[in-house]
Amino acid sequence: MAKLTPMKAIRQKCLECSCGQIKEVRLCPVKTCTLYEYRMGHRPTGGEDTAEDDSE
Protein backbone atom coordinates (compact mmCIF):
# COMPACT_ATOMS: atom_id res chain seq x y z
CA MET A 1 0.00 0.00 0.00
CA ALA A 2 1.38 3.40 -0.99
CA LYS A 3 2.06 5.96 1.70
CA LEU A 4 -0.45 8.82 1.61
CA THR A 5 0.44 12.44 2.17
CA PRO A 6 -1.61 14.15 4.89
CA MET A 7 -3.70 15.99 2.29
CA LYS A 8 -4.44 12.81 0.35
CA ALA A 9 -5.33 11.03 3.59
CA ILE A 10 -7.83 13.80 4.41
CA ARG A 11 -9.29 13.52 0.92
CA GLN A 12 -9.66 9.75 1.34
CA LYS A 13 -11.40 10.24 4.70
CA CYS A 14 -13.85 12.68 3.12
CA LEU A 15 -14.55 10.23 0.30
CA GLU A 16 -15.12 7.49 2.87
CA CYS A 17 -17.51 9.72 4.81
CA SER A 18 -19.51 10.44 1.65
CA CYS A 19 -19.65 6.78 0.50
CA GLY A 20 -17.12 7.41 -2.27
CA GLN A 21 -19.20 10.07 -4.00
CA ILE A 22 -16.90 12.85 -5.24
CA LYS A 23 -19.82 15.23 -5.79
CA GLU A 24 -20.98 14.70 -2.19
CA VAL A 25 -17.54 15.70 -0.88
CA ARG A 26 -17.81 18.95 -2.84
CA LEU A 27 -21.35 19.54 -1.51
CA CYS A 28 -20.55 18.52 2.07
CA PRO A 29 -22.91 20.32 4.49
CA VAL A 30 -20.86 19.59 7.65
CA LYS A 31 -19.04 22.91 7.97
CA THR A 32 -18.18 22.19 11.61
CA CYS A 33 -15.97 19.26 10.57
CA THR A 34 -12.31 19.98 11.28
CA LEU A 35 -11.42 18.59 7.84
CA TYR A 36 -13.99 20.68 5.95
CA GLU A 37 -11.55 23.26 4.55
CA TYR A 38 -9.21 20.50 3.37
CA ARG A 39 -11.84 18.18 1.82
CA MET A 40 -10.92 18.95 -1.79
CA GLY A 41 -7.40 17.58 -1.35
CA HIS A 42 -5.47 20.84 -1.02
CA ARG A 43 -4.77 23.47 1.60
CA PRO A 44 -7.20 26.39 1.67
CA THR A 45 -5.86 29.77 0.60
CA GLY A 46 -5.72 32.68 3.03
CA GLY A 47 -6.63 32.40 6.68
CA GLU A 48 -4.35 32.17 9.64
CA ASP A 49 -1.19 30.12 9.96
CA THR A 50 -1.77 27.40 12.55
CA ALA A 51 1.90 27.08 13.50
CA GLU A 52 2.64 28.43 16.94
CA ASP A 53 5.54 30.80 17.50
CA ASP A 54 7.66 29.83 20.53
CA SER A 55 9.94 32.87 20.31
CA GLU A 56 8.33 34.64 23.28
PDB file of N, CA and C in Angstrom:
ATOM      1  N   MET A   1       0.842  -1.183   0.000  1.00  0.00           N
ATOM      2  CA  MET A   1       0.000   0.000   0.000  1.00  0.00           C
ATOM      3  C   MET A   1       0.889   1.248   0.000  1.00  0.00           C
ATOM      4  N   ALA A   2       0.589   2.178  -0.878  1.00  0.00           N
ATOM      5  CA  ALA A   2       1.378   3.395  -0.994  1.00  0.00           C
ATOM      6  C   ALA A   2       1.130   4.313   0.198  1.00  0.00           C
ATOM      7  N   LYS A   3       2.178   5.011   0.596  1.00  0.00           N
ATOM      8  CA  LYS A   3       2.059   5.961   1.700  1.00  0.00           C
ATOM      9  C   LYS A   3       1.321   7.204   1.217  1.00  0.00           C
ATOM     10  N   LEU A   4       0.329   7.638   1.969  1.00  0.00           N
ATOM     11  CA  LEU A   4      -0.449   8.820   1.612  1.00  0.00           C
ATOM     12  C   LEU A   4       0.131  10.066   2.274  1.00  0.00           C
ATOM     13  N   THR A   5       0.081  11.164   1.554  1.00  0.00           N
ATOM     14  CA  THR A   5       0.438  12.443   2.165  1.00  0.00           C
ATOM     15  C   THR A   5      -0.718  12.837   3.087  1.00  0.00           C
ATOM     16  N   PRO A   6      -0.502  13.739   4.022  1.00  0.00           N
ATOM     17  CA  PRO A   6      -1.610  14.152   4.893  1.00  0.00           C
ATOM     18  C   PRO A   6      -2.821  14.678   4.118  1.00  0.00           C
ATOM     19  N   MET A   7      -2.586  15.445   3.059  1.00  0.00           N
ATOM     20  CA  MET A   7      -3.702  15.990   2.287  1.00  0.00           C
ATOM     21  C   MET A   7      -4.475  14.895   1.559  1.00  0.00           C
ATOM     22  N   LYS A   8      -3.762  13.915   1.031  1.00  0.00           N
ATOM     23  CA  LYS A   8      -4.436  12.808   0.347  1.00  0.00           C
ATOM     24  C   LYS A   8      -5.191  11.933   1.347  1.00  0.00           C
ATOM     25  N   ALA A   9      -4.650  11.795   2.559  1.00  0.00           N
ATOM     26  CA  ALA A   9      -5.335  11.027   3.586  1.00  0.00           C
ATOM     27  C   ALA A   9      -6.641  11.716   3.999  1.00  0.00           C
ATOM     28  N   ILE A  10      -6.615  13.034   4.094  1.00  0.00           N
ATOM     29  CA  ILE A  10      -7.826  13.797   4.413  1.00  0.00           C
ATOM     30  C   ILE A  10      -8.848  13.619   3.304  1.00  0.00           C
ATOM     31  N   ARG A  11      -8.389  13.696   2.065  1.00  0.00           N
ATOM     32  CA  ARG A  11      -9.288  13.517   0.919  1.00  0.00           C
ATOM     33  C   ARG A  11      -9.920  12.123   0.957  1.00  0.00           C
ATOM     34  N   GLN A  12      -9.135  11.106   1.258  1.00  0.00           N
ATOM     35  CA  GLN A  12      -9.660   9.746   1.345  1.00  0.00           C
ATOM     36  C   GLN A  12     -10.691   9.618   2.465  1.00  0.00           C
ATOM     37  N   LYS A  13     -10.445  10.270   3.588  1.00  0.00           N
ATOM     38  CA  LYS A  13     -11.396  10.241   4.705  1.00  0.00           C
ATOM     39  C   LYS A  13     -12.714  10.893   4.300  1.00  0.00           C
ATOM     40  N   CYS A  14     -12.633  12.007   3.576  1.00  0.00           N
ATOM     41  CA  CYS A  14     -13.853  12.683   3.116  1.00  0.00           C
ATOM     42  C   CYS A  14     -14.618  11.813   2.121  1.00  0.00           C
ATOM     43  N   LEU A  15     -13.895  11.138   1.234  1.00  0.00           N
ATOM     44  CA  LEU A  15     -14.551  10.228   0.298  1.00  0.00           C
ATOM     45  C   LEU A  15     -15.211   9.071   1.033  1.00  0.00           C
ATOM     46  N   GLU A  16     -14.542   8.565   2.063  1.00  0.00           N
ATOM     47  CA  GLU A  16     -15.117   7.488   2.867  1.00  0.00           C
ATOM     48  C   GLU A  16     -16.393   7.956   3.569  1.00  0.00           C
ATOM     49  N   CYS A  17     -16.363   9.158   4.104  1.00  0.00           N
ATOM     50  CA  CYS A  17     -17.509   9.716   4.814  1.00  0.00           C
ATOM     51  C   CYS A  17     -18.712   9.907   3.890  1.00  0.00           C
ATOM     52  N   SER A  18     -18.429  10.204   2.612  1.00  0.00           N
ATOM     53  CA  SER A  18     -19.514  10.439   1.653  1.00  0.00           C
ATOM     54  C   SER A  18     -19.774   9.235   0.750  1.00  0.00           C
ATOM     55  N   CYS A  19     -19.413   8.045   1.225  1.00  0.00           N
ATOM     56  CA  CYS A  19     -19.645   6.779   0.498  1.00  0.00           C
ATOM     57  C   CYS A  19     -19.012   6.785  -0.891  1.00  0.00           C
ATOM     58  N   GLY A  20     -17.858   7.418  -1.020  1.00  0.00           N
ATOM     59  CA  GLY A  20     -17.115   7.409  -2.268  1.00  0.00           C
ATOM     60  C   GLY A  20     -17.648   8.323  -3.351  1.00  0.00           C
ATOM     61  N   GLN A  21     -18.587   9.172  -3.023  1.00  0.00           N
ATOM     62  CA  GLN A  21     -19.197  10.065  -4.005  1.00  0.00           C
ATOM     63  C   GLN A  21     -18.452  11.401  -4.038  1.00  0.00           C
ATOM     64  N   ILE A  22     -17.689  11.632  -5.114  1.00  0.00           N
ATOM     65  CA  ILE A  22     -16.899  12.852  -5.235  1.00  0.00           C
ATOM     66  C   ILE A  22     -17.772  14.097  -5.152  1.00  0.00           C
ATOM     67  N   LYS A  23     -18.908  14.062  -5.797  1.00  0.00           N
ATOM     68  CA  LYS A  23     -19.815  15.226  -5.786  1.00  0.00           C
ATOM     69  C   LYS A  23     -20.299  15.528  -4.370  1.00  0.00           C
ATOM     70  N   GLU A  24     -20.523  14.488  -3.566  1.00  0.00           N
ATOM     71  CA  GLU A  24     -20.978  14.699  -2.190  1.00  0.00           C
ATOM     72  C   GLU A  24     -19.893  15.332  -1.327  1.00  0.00           C
ATOM     73  N   VAL A  25     -18.627  15.044  -1.616  1.00  0.00           N
ATOM     74  CA  VAL A  25     -17.538  15.699  -0.885  1.00  0.00           C
ATOM     75  C   VAL A  25     -17.576  17.191  -1.175  1.00  0.00           C
ATOM     76  N   ARG A  26     -17.751  17.544  -2.438  1.00  0.00           N
ATOM     77  CA  ARG A  26     -17.813  18.952  -2.839  1.00  0.00           C
ATOM     78  C   ARG A  26     -19.008  19.654  -2.194  1.00  0.00           C
ATOM     79  N   LEU A  27     -20.125  18.954  -2.058  1.00  0.00           N
ATOM     80  CA  LEU A  27     -21.355  19.538  -1.514  1.00  0.00           C
ATOM     81  C   LEU A  27     -21.521  19.310  -0.009  1.00  0.00           C
ATOM     82  N   CYS A  28     -20.485  18.861   0.643  1.00  0.00           N
ATOM     83  CA  CYS A  28     -20.555  18.516   2.067  1.00  0.00           C
ATOM     84  C   CYS A  28     -21.188  19.637   2.897  1.00  0.00           C
ATOM     85  N   PRO A  29     -22.234  19.310   3.674  1.00  0.00           N
ATOM     86  CA  PRO A  29     -22.910  20.322   4.486  1.00  0.00           C
ATOM     87  C   PRO A  29     -22.332  20.462   5.906  1.00  0.00           C
ATOM     88  N   VAL A  30     -21.373  19.615   6.280  1.00  0.00           N
ATOM     89  CA  VAL A  30     -20.861  19.586   7.654  1.00  0.00           C
ATOM     90  C   VAL A  30     -19.711  20.585   7.803  1.00  0.00           C
ATOM     91  N   LYS A  31     -20.052  21.857   7.889  1.00  0.00           N
ATOM     92  CA  LYS A  31     -19.043  22.906   7.966  1.00  0.00           C
ATOM     93  C   LYS A  31     -18.332  22.956   9.313  1.00  0.00           C
ATOM     94  N   THR A  32     -18.835  22.238  10.311  1.00  0.00           N
ATOM     95  CA  THR A  32     -18.178  22.190  11.613  1.00  0.00           C
ATOM     96  C   THR A  32     -17.106  21.109  11.673  1.00  0.00           C
ATOM     97  N   CYS A  33     -16.993  20.308  10.631  1.00  0.00           N
ATOM     98  CA  CYS A  33     -15.971  19.257  10.573  1.00  0.00           C
ATOM     99  C   CYS A  33     -14.597  19.907  10.507  1.00  0.00           C
ATOM    100  N   THR A  34     -13.658  19.400  11.277  1.00  0.00           N
ATOM    101  CA  THR A  34     -12.312  19.978  11.278  1.00  0.00           C
ATOM    102  C   THR A  34     -11.593  19.784   9.953  1.00  0.00           C
ATOM    103  N   LEU A  35     -12.039  18.846   9.138  1.00  0.00           N
ATOM    104  CA  LEU A  35     -11.424  18.592   7.836  1.00  0.00           C
ATOM    105  C   LEU A  35     -12.107  19.340   6.697  1.00  0.00           C
ATOM    106  N   TYR A  36     -13.164  20.056   6.978  1.00  0.00           N
ATOM    107  CA  TYR A  36     -13.993  20.678   5.948  1.00  0.00           C
ATOM    108  C   TYR A  36     -13.183  21.520   4.958  1.00  0.00           C
ATOM    109  N   GLU A  37     -12.319  22.376   5.433  1.00  0.00           N
ATOM    110  CA  GLU A  37     -11.547  23.262   4.555  1.00  0.00           C
ATOM    111  C   GLU A  37     -10.553  22.504   3.688  1.00  0.00           C
ATOM    112  N   TYR A  38     -10.215  21.286   4.070  1.00  0.00           N
ATOM    113  CA  TYR A  38      -9.212  20.495   3.367  1.00  0.00           C
ATOM    114  C   TYR A  38      -9.823  19.398   2.500  1.00  0.00           C
ATOM    115  N   ARG A  39     -11.142  19.304   2.444  1.00  0.00           N
ATOM    116  CA  ARG A  39     -11.836  18.178   1.824  1.00  0.00           C
ATOM    117  C   ARG A  39     -11.572  17.997   0.343  1.00  0.00           C
ATOM    118  N   MET A  40     -11.162  19.052  -0.350  1.00  0.00           N
ATOM    119  CA  MET A  40     -10.923  18.947  -1.788  1.00  0.00           C
ATOM    120  C   MET A  40      -9.509  18.480  -2.120  1.00  0.00           C
ATOM    121  N   GLY A  41      -8.724  18.148  -1.114  1.00  0.00           N
ATOM    122  CA  GLY A  41      -7.398  17.583  -1.347  1.00  0.00           C
ATOM    123  C   GLY A  41      -6.272  18.600  -1.446  1.00  0.00           C
ATOM    124  N   HIS A  42      -6.524  19.832  -1.038  1.00  0.00           N
ATOM    125  CA  HIS A  42      -5.473  20.845  -1.019  1.00  0.00           C
ATOM    126  C   HIS A  42      -5.715  21.817   0.122  1.00  0.00           C
ATOM    127  N   ARG A  43      -4.657  22.497   0.512  1.00  0.00           N
ATOM    128  CA  ARG A  43      -4.773  23.470   1.603  1.00  0.00           C
ATOM    129  C   ARG A  43      -5.588  24.673   1.150  1.00  0.00           C
ATOM    130  N   PRO A  44      -6.423  25.199   2.028  1.00  0.00           N
ATOM    131  CA  PRO A  44      -7.195  26.390   1.673  1.00  0.00           C
ATOM    132  C   PRO A  44      -6.279  27.609   1.566  1.00  0.00           C
ATOM    133  N   THR A  45      -6.649  28.549   0.737  1.00  0.00           N
ATOM    134  CA  THR A  45      -5.855  29.774   0.604  1.00  0.00           C
ATOM    135  C   THR A  45      -6.298  30.777   1.654  1.00  0.00           C
ATOM    136  N   GLY A  46      -5.396  31.655   2.036  1.00  0.00           N
ATOM    137  CA  GLY A  46      -5.717  32.681   3.029  1.00  0.00           C
ATOM    138  C   GLY A  46      -5.829  32.105   4.424  1.00  0.00           C
ATOM    139  N   GLY A  47      -6.435  32.856   5.309  1.00  0.00           N
ATOM    140  CA  GLY A  47      -6.632  32.400   6.681  1.00  0.00           C
ATOM    141  C   GLY A  47      -5.378  32.561   7.519  1.00  0.00           C
ATOM    142  N   GLU A  48      -5.456  32.054   8.707  1.00  0.00           N
ATOM    143  CA  GLU A  48      -4.348  32.168   9.642  1.00  0.00           C
ATOM    144  C   GLU A  48      -3.418  30.974   9.531  1.00  0.00           C
ATOM    145  N   ASP A  49      -2.157  31.196   9.880  1.00  0.00           N
ATOM    146  CA  ASP A  49      -1.194  30.117   9.960  1.00  0.00           C
ATOM    147  C   ASP A  49      -1.400  29.434  11.304  1.00  0.00           C
ATOM    148  N   THR A  50      -1.494  28.112  11.305  1.00  0.00           N
ATOM    149  CA  THR A  50      -1.775  27.397  12.546  1.00  0.00           C
ATOM    150  C   THR A  50      -0.522  27.075  13.337  1.00  0.00           C
ATOM    151  N   ALA A  51       0.655  27.341  12.790  1.00  0.00           N
ATOM    152  CA  ALA A  51       1.899  27.078  13.502  1.00  0.00           C
ATOM    153  C   ALA A  51       2.048  28.086  14.644  1.00  0.00           C
ATOM    154  N   GLU A  52       2.454  27.556  15.791  1.00  0.00           N
ATOM    155  CA  GLU A  52       2.640  28.430  16.937  1.00  0.00           C
ATOM    156  C   GLU A  52       4.062  28.964  16.965  1.00  0.00           C
ATOM    157  N   ASP A  53       4.224  30.185  17.412  1.00  0.00           N
ATOM    158  CA  ASP A  53       5.538  30.802  17.503  1.00  0.00           C
ATOM    159  C   ASP A  53       6.001  30.709  18.948  1.00  0.00           C
ATOM    160  N   ASP A  54       7.127  30.013  19.180  1.00  0.00           N
ATOM    161  CA  ASP A  54       7.660  29.833  20.527  1.00  0.00           C
ATOM    162  C   ASP A  54       8.775  30.824  20.849  1.00  0.00           C
ATOM    163  N   SER A  55       8.851  31.923  20.118  1.00  0.00           N
ATOM    164  CA  SER A  55       9.938  32.872  20.314  1.00  0.00           C
ATOM    165  C   SER A  55       9.691  33.856  21.458  1.00  0.00           C
ATOM    166  N   GLU A  56       8.633  33.706  22.201  1.00  0.00           N
ATOM    167  CA  GLU A  56       8.326  34.637  23.285  1.00  0.00           C
ATOM    168  C   GLU A  56       9.216  34.461  24.469  1.00  0.00           C
TER     169      GLU A  56
END
